[in-house]
Protein backbone atom coordinates (compact mmCIF):
# COMPACT_ATOMS: atom_id res chain seq x y z
CA MET A 1 120.56 175.51 27.84
CA MET A 2 121.20 174.58 31.29
CA GLY A 3 121.29 178.23 32.34
CA GLY A 4 125.00 178.36 32.76
CA ARG A 5 128.20 179.67 30.85
CA ILE A 6 131.25 178.37 29.40
CA TRP A 7 134.69 179.91 28.88
CA VAL A 8 138.19 179.89 27.64
CA GLU A 9 141.37 181.83 28.84
CA SER A 10 144.18 181.42 26.66
CA GLU A 11 147.70 183.11 26.45
CA GLU A 12 149.73 182.16 23.44
CA GLY A 13 152.87 180.20 24.41
CA ALA A 14 151.34 179.52 28.01
CA GLY A 15 148.48 177.59 27.29
CA SER A 16 144.54 177.63 27.74
CA THR A 17 142.24 176.98 30.51
CA PHE A 18 138.62 175.91 29.73
CA GLY A 19 135.71 176.31 32.46
CA PHE A 20 132.02 176.23 32.87
CA SER A 21 129.75 176.96 35.76
CA VAL A 22 125.94 175.55 36.03
CA SER A 23 123.54 175.71 38.93
CA LEU A 24 122.16 172.23 40.07
CA PRO A 25 119.94 170.77 42.72
CA ALA A 26 121.01 169.88 45.83
CA ALA A 27 122.23 165.94 46.01
CA GLU A 28 119.70 163.53 47.28
CA THR A 29 120.12 163.08 51.03
CA LEU A 30 119.53 160.11 53.17
CA GLU A 31 117.66 159.38 56.21
CA ALA A 32 120.17 158.08 59.39
CA ASP A 33 118.27 154.63 59.04
CA ASP A 34 119.48 154.55 55.28
CA VAL A 35 123.04 154.55 56.05
CA ARG A 36 123.11 151.32 58.36
CA LEU A 37 124.40 148.36 56.79
CA PRO A 38 123.17 144.75 57.40
CA ASP A 39 125.21 143.20 60.48
CA GLY A 40 127.97 141.04 58.89
CA LEU A 41 128.71 143.04 55.74
CA ARG A 42 132.24 143.76 55.64
CA THR A 43 133.59 142.55 52.36
CA VAL A 44 132.37 143.24 48.79
CA LEU A 45 133.44 141.77 45.74
CA VAL A 46 133.31 144.11 42.62
CA VAL A 47 133.21 142.59 39.20
CA ASP A 48 133.32 144.63 36.07
CA PRO A 49 135.19 144.23 33.00
CA GLN A 50 135.86 148.04 32.68
CA GLY A 51 138.56 149.33 34.81
CA VAL A 52 137.12 152.75 35.36
CA ARG A 53 133.62 151.65 36.53
CA ARG A 54 135.43 149.18 38.71
CA ALA A 55 137.34 151.87 40.18
CA VAL A 56 134.35 154.07 40.77
CA LEU A 57 132.19 151.30 42.28
CA SER A 58 135.27 150.23 44.81
CA ARG A 59 135.40 153.92 45.89
CA GLN A 60 131.73 154.08 46.64
CA MET A 61 131.92 150.96 48.84
CA ALA A 62 135.09 151.95 50.50
CA SER A 63 133.39 155.22 51.52
CA LEU A 64 130.91 153.15 53.38
CA GLY A 65 133.58 151.41 55.36
CA LEU A 66 133.56 148.17 53.47
CA SER A 67 136.72 146.20 52.27
CA VAL A 68 136.78 145.77 48.57
CA VAL A 69 138.01 143.14 46.26
CA SER A 70 137.70 143.68 42.51
CA ALA A 71 137.77 141.31 39.58
CA ALA A 72 137.46 142.09 35.67
CA SER A 73 135.66 139.03 34.72
CA GLY A 74 133.38 136.42 36.07
CA ALA A 75 136.14 133.79 35.71
CA GLU A 76 138.58 136.11 37.99
CA ALA A 77 135.79 136.24 40.30
CA LEU A 78 135.34 132.72 40.85
CA ALA A 79 138.92 132.36 41.33
CA LEU A 80 138.92 134.85 44.07
CA LEU A 81 135.76 133.39 45.87
CA PRO A 82 137.70 131.15 48.37
CA ARG A 83 138.34 134.56 50.11
CA ALA A 84 136.12 135.90 52.70
CA VAL A 85 133.59 137.69 51.05
CA ASP A 86 129.93 138.83 52.22
CA LEU A 87 128.42 140.23 49.01
CA VAL A 88 129.21 140.21 45.27
CA MET A 89 128.29 143.28 43.11
CA THR A 90 128.66 142.35 39.44
CA ALA A 91 127.91 144.19 35.97
CA HIS A 92 125.29 142.59 34.05
CA THR A 93 127.10 142.71 30.68
CA MET A 94 130.59 141.13 30.52
CA PRO A 95 132.20 139.00 27.76
CA GLU A 96 132.25 135.18 28.18
CA MET A 97 130.31 135.10 31.44
CA ASP A 98 127.90 137.82 32.23
CA GLY A 99 126.68 138.79 35.75
CA LEU A 100 123.76 136.30 35.83
CA GLU A 101 125.56 133.54 34.51
CA LEU A 102 128.39 134.12 37.29
CA ALA A 103 125.62 133.91 39.76
CA GLU A 104 124.26 130.70 38.15
CA THR A 105 127.73 129.22 38.43
CA MET A 106 128.24 130.20 41.95
CA ARG A 107 124.72 128.76 42.87
CA ALA A 108 125.88 125.53 40.94
CA THR A 109 128.88 124.95 43.08
CA GLY A 110 127.18 125.73 46.25
CA MET A 111 128.23 129.43 46.88
CA ARG A 112 125.19 131.05 48.55
CA LEU A 113 126.56 134.46 48.81
CA PRO A 114 124.06 137.43 47.94
CA VAL A 115 124.67 138.99 44.55
CA LEU A 116 123.53 142.39 43.09
CA VAL A 117 123.34 142.80 39.22
CA MET A 118 124.06 146.16 37.87
CA SER A 119 122.61 146.77 34.40
CA ALA A 120 122.06 149.72 32.07
CA ASP A 121 118.83 148.04 31.17
CA PRO A 122 117.33 146.64 34.42
CA ALA A 123 114.10 145.47 32.47
CA VAL A 124 116.00 143.16 30.49
CA ALA A 125 117.95 141.80 33.38
CA GLU A 126 114.64 141.35 35.41
CA GLN A 127 113.00 139.29 32.72
CA ASP A 128 116.49 137.02 32.26
CA PRO A 129 115.91 133.35 33.67
CA GLY A 130 118.97 133.85 35.47
CA ARG A 131 117.44 136.52 37.73
CA ARG A 132 116.21 133.75 40.02
CA HIS A 133 120.04 133.44 41.15
CA VAL A 134 120.44 137.02 42.43
CA GLN A 135 119.14 138.89 45.28
CA GLY A 136 118.53 142.33 43.36
CA VAL A 137 119.00 144.10 39.93
CA LEU A 138 120.25 147.86 40.18
CA PRO A 139 120.45 150.48 37.55
CA THR A 140 123.81 152.01 36.60
CA PRO A 141 125.26 154.44 37.19
CA LEU A 142 124.74 153.14 40.66
CA ARG A 143 122.88 155.62 43.01
CA ARG A 144 123.55 155.42 46.86
CA SER A 145 119.78 155.57 47.71
CA ASP A 146 119.37 152.31 45.39
CA PHE A 147 122.12 150.47 47.08
CA PHE A 148 120.76 151.00 50.41
CA ALA A 149 117.15 150.27 49.55
CA ALA A 150 118.79 146.81 48.57
CA MET A 151 120.45 146.53 51.67
CA ARG A 152 117.26 147.29 53.46
CA GLY A 153 115.82 144.37 51.71
CA PHE A 154 118.59 142.06 52.55
CA ALA A 155 117.47 143.05 56.37
CA ALA A 156 114.06 142.24 55.84
CA GLY A 157 114.84 138.84 55.06
CA LEU A 158 114.58 138.75 51.24
CA ARG A 159 117.98 136.74 51.15
CA PRO A 160 117.52 132.84 51.41
CA GLY A 161 117.48 131.80 54.81
CA GLY A 162 115.31 135.05 55.79
CA GLY A 163 117.81 136.50 58.39
CA VAL A 164 120.43 139.23 58.56
CA GLY A 165 123.83 139.19 58.01
CA ARG A 166 125.93 136.96 55.71
CA ALA A 167 125.81 133.28 55.29
CA MET A 168 127.95 131.01 57.80
CA ARG A 169 131.12 129.87 56.14
CA VAL A 170 131.69 125.93 56.17
CA LEU A 171 134.98 124.42 55.06
CA ALA A 172 135.07 120.83 54.56
CA ALA A 173 138.27 118.95 53.76
CA GLU A 174 137.60 115.66 52.18
CA ASP A 175 139.80 114.10 49.61
CA ASN A 176 137.42 111.52 48.00
CA LYS A 177 135.30 113.13 45.36
CA THR A 178 132.20 110.87 46.03
CA ASN A 179 132.34 111.98 49.70
CA ARG A 180 132.30 115.51 48.76
CA LEU A 181 129.25 114.84 46.86
CA VAL A 182 127.37 112.94 49.46
CA PHE A 183 128.42 116.05 51.90
CA SER A 184 127.31 118.57 49.58
CA LYS A 185 124.12 116.95 49.25
CA MET A 186 123.72 116.53 52.89
CA VAL A 187 123.83 120.26 53.71
CA ALA A 188 121.94 121.25 50.48
CA ALA A 189 119.05 122.60 52.31
CA LEU A 190 121.28 124.87 54.76
CA ASP A 191 121.57 128.28 53.97
CA ILE A 192 125.62 128.22 54.30
CA ASP A 193 128.41 129.35 52.02
CA LEU A 194 130.36 125.90 51.53
CA ARG A 195 133.77 125.15 50.32
CA PHE A 196 135.93 122.04 49.91
CA ALA A 197 139.31 121.29 50.23
CA GLU A 198 141.02 118.16 48.79
CA ASN A 199 143.84 117.63 51.31
CA GLY A 200 145.11 119.20 54.34
CA ALA A 201 147.42 121.44 52.64
CA GLU A 202 144.62 123.00 50.55
CA ALA A 203 142.31 123.18 53.66
CA VAL A 204 145.26 125.36 55.51
CA ALA A 205 145.27 127.68 52.35
CA ILE A 206 141.79 128.29 51.91
CA PHE A 207 141.45 128.79 55.72
CA ARG A 208 143.47 131.61 55.37
CA ASN A 209 141.39 133.59 52.92
CA PHE A 210 138.18 132.02 53.61
CA ALA A 211 138.02 132.41 57.24
CA PRO A 212 135.54 129.75 57.72
CA ASP A 213 133.06 129.76 61.05
CA LEU A 214 133.38 125.80 61.13
CA MET A 215 135.50 123.23 59.46
CA PHE A 216 135.11 119.50 58.79
CA MET A 217 138.34 117.89 58.54
CA ASP A 218 139.04 114.53 57.07
CA ILE A 219 141.74 112.67 59.15
CA SER A 220 143.15 110.42 56.27
CA MET A 221 144.36 112.72 53.37
CA PRO A 222 147.25 112.87 51.18
CA GLU A 223 149.95 115.31 51.06
CA MET A 224 149.10 116.45 54.66
CA ASP A 225 146.68 114.66 56.94
CA GLY A 226 143.87 116.14 59.02
CA LYS A 227 145.72 116.37 62.10
CA ALA A 228 148.84 117.90 60.65
CA ALA A 229 146.61 120.67 59.04
CA THR A 230 144.81 121.25 62.19
CA ARG A 231 148.03 121.78 63.95
CA CYS A 232 148.87 124.36 61.22
CA ILE A 233 145.64 126.16 61.69
CA ARG A 234 145.88 126.30 65.36
CA GLU A 235 149.60 127.75 65.08
CA ALA A 236 148.25 130.41 62.54
CA GLU A 237 145.72 131.28 65.09
CA ALA A 238 147.93 131.75 68.02
CA GLY A 239 147.64 135.31 69.25
CA THR A 240 144.68 136.18 67.21
CA GLY A 241 142.02 135.52 69.67
CA ARG A 242 140.22 133.35 67.21
CA ARG A 243 139.58 129.76 67.34
CA VAL A 244 137.58 128.15 64.29
CA PRO A 245 135.80 124.95 65.70
CA ILE A 246 137.09 121.80 63.67
CA VAL A 247 135.12 118.55 63.80
CA ALA A 248 137.12 115.35 62.64
CA MET A 249 135.51 112.93 60.18
CA THR A 250 137.16 109.56 60.56
CA ALA A 251 136.49 105.93 59.46
CA HIS A 252 138.75 104.68 62.01
CA ALA A 253 137.12 105.40 65.46
CA MET A 254 139.10 102.82 67.38
CA GLY A 255 139.95 102.79 71.05
CA GLY A 256 142.21 105.76 71.96
CA ASP A 257 141.55 107.46 68.48
CA GLU A 258 139.64 110.25 70.34
CA ALA A 259 142.46 111.29 72.64
CA GLU A 260 144.82 111.54 69.77
CA ILE A 261 142.44 113.61 67.57
CA LEU A 262 141.61 115.99 70.37
CA ALA A 263 145.30 116.23 71.05
CA ALA A 264 145.99 117.64 67.50
CA GLY A 265 143.69 120.67 68.07
CA LEU A 266 140.40 119.28 66.75
CA ASP A 267 137.13 119.76 68.83
CA ARG A 268 135.13 116.59 68.39
CA TYR A 269 134.78 114.15 65.81
CA LEU A 270 132.22 112.33 63.56
CA THR A 271 132.55 108.65 62.58
CA LYS A 272 132.01 107.72 58.82
CA PRO A 273 129.46 107.19 57.29
CA LEU A 274 128.19 110.67 58.07
CA SER A 275 124.82 111.20 59.01
CA LYS A 276 122.78 114.14 57.70
CA ASP A 277 121.40 114.88 61.21
CA ALA A 278 124.76 115.06 62.84
CA ILE A 279 126.22 117.21 60.21
CA SER A 280 123.48 119.62 60.47
CA LYS A 281 123.63 119.77 64.21
CA GLU A 282 127.18 120.78 64.16
CA ILE A 283 126.83 123.43 61.79
CA VAL A 284 124.00 124.96 63.79
CA ALA A 285 125.79 124.77 66.94
CA ALA A 286 128.79 126.56 65.77
CA CYS A 287 126.79 129.25 63.91
CA PRO A 288 128.40 132.62 65.27
CA ALA A 289 126.51 135.70 66.17
CA GLY A 290 125.38 138.16 63.45
CA VAL A 291 125.38 135.39 60.95
CA ARG A 292 122.32 134.22 59.16
CA PRO A 293 120.88 131.09 60.82
CA PRO A 294 121.76 127.94 58.64
CA ALA A 295 118.64 126.20 59.22
CA ALA A 296 115.22 126.41 61.14
CA GLY A 297 114.01 123.58 63.14
CA VAL A 298 117.32 121.83 63.83
CA GLN A 299 118.70 121.58 67.18
CA ALA A 300 122.38 122.11 68.13
CA ALA A 301 124.44 119.36 69.03
CA SER A 302 125.08 118.84 72.63
C-alpha cells in the first residue's frame, strides 16, 4: 500500500531474515534559529511511567546537549525536584498523579519551574482546569519542531515573569514552620524557585543538588546552626570558582554579632522580624546573568 516491498530469506537449520523497503519523504528540517535553546536551559526532568517513552524522550533531550533527569511517576519527580532542574517535561496520563496534577502540586509548594505536558490527546489536556499550571501542551509522539516552538514561546516571554532563562533558585534555611510560611508569603509575588531547609544539615544537603543562586540562613537551628552550615558550604565551594551569596537571618543582632556572622562565611545579615522589602531587595541584588528577573520595580539592596 505504501509502494514498498517485504521479503524473507530463510535457510533450514540456520535461521530466517525478514526485511522491507519503502520510500519516504525527507524528515522535517529546522531553520538555524529553531535550534537555539533559551539561555539558562541546561537540565530537563523527564517524567513518564513507561520506560521506553522515558528513554526515547531522554535521548531526544540529550541529543540537544541537555542534561536529563528522569522519573517514573509524579511522586518520584517531586522527590527529585530539590535537584537543580530548569524544565519539567511530563506525560499527561499517569497513575495516581497525572502530569497536570504534578504541575499543580509544584505550584502549591512554591515551585515555579516551567512545565510542558505531553499528551496523546492535546485537546483534552487543553480543556483541563489544570492547564493553567503549565507552560505548554505538546502532542505525542514529540516532534522536534513542536519542542522548539515551545522553546521560542519561552524566549518570547510566555512564562511567568516575562523573561528568558530559568527562574532564580533561592534556598531558605529556617527551622520554624511559622517563619517558613511567613517567608513564603513575603516572596509569593516574585518569580523564583524557592526551597526550604528545616536545619543546617538539610540546607547543606539541598545546596549540593539544588545549586541555589542565593541562600537565606537562619543562624539558630537544631542539629547544625547557620554558621556551621555556611562553613560546610564554603568548604564545598573551595576550588570551584563559585560562591553563593548567603544572607543570615537572626533575631539576636547584638554588638559583635555581625563580625562573628561574617567570619563564618556569610555575606550579610537581616534582623528578624524580616521585612518583605528587605527580602525582595536581597533577591533582586543576587540575581545572576541569564536568569529571569525575579521582580519588576524592586531596587537592589545597596
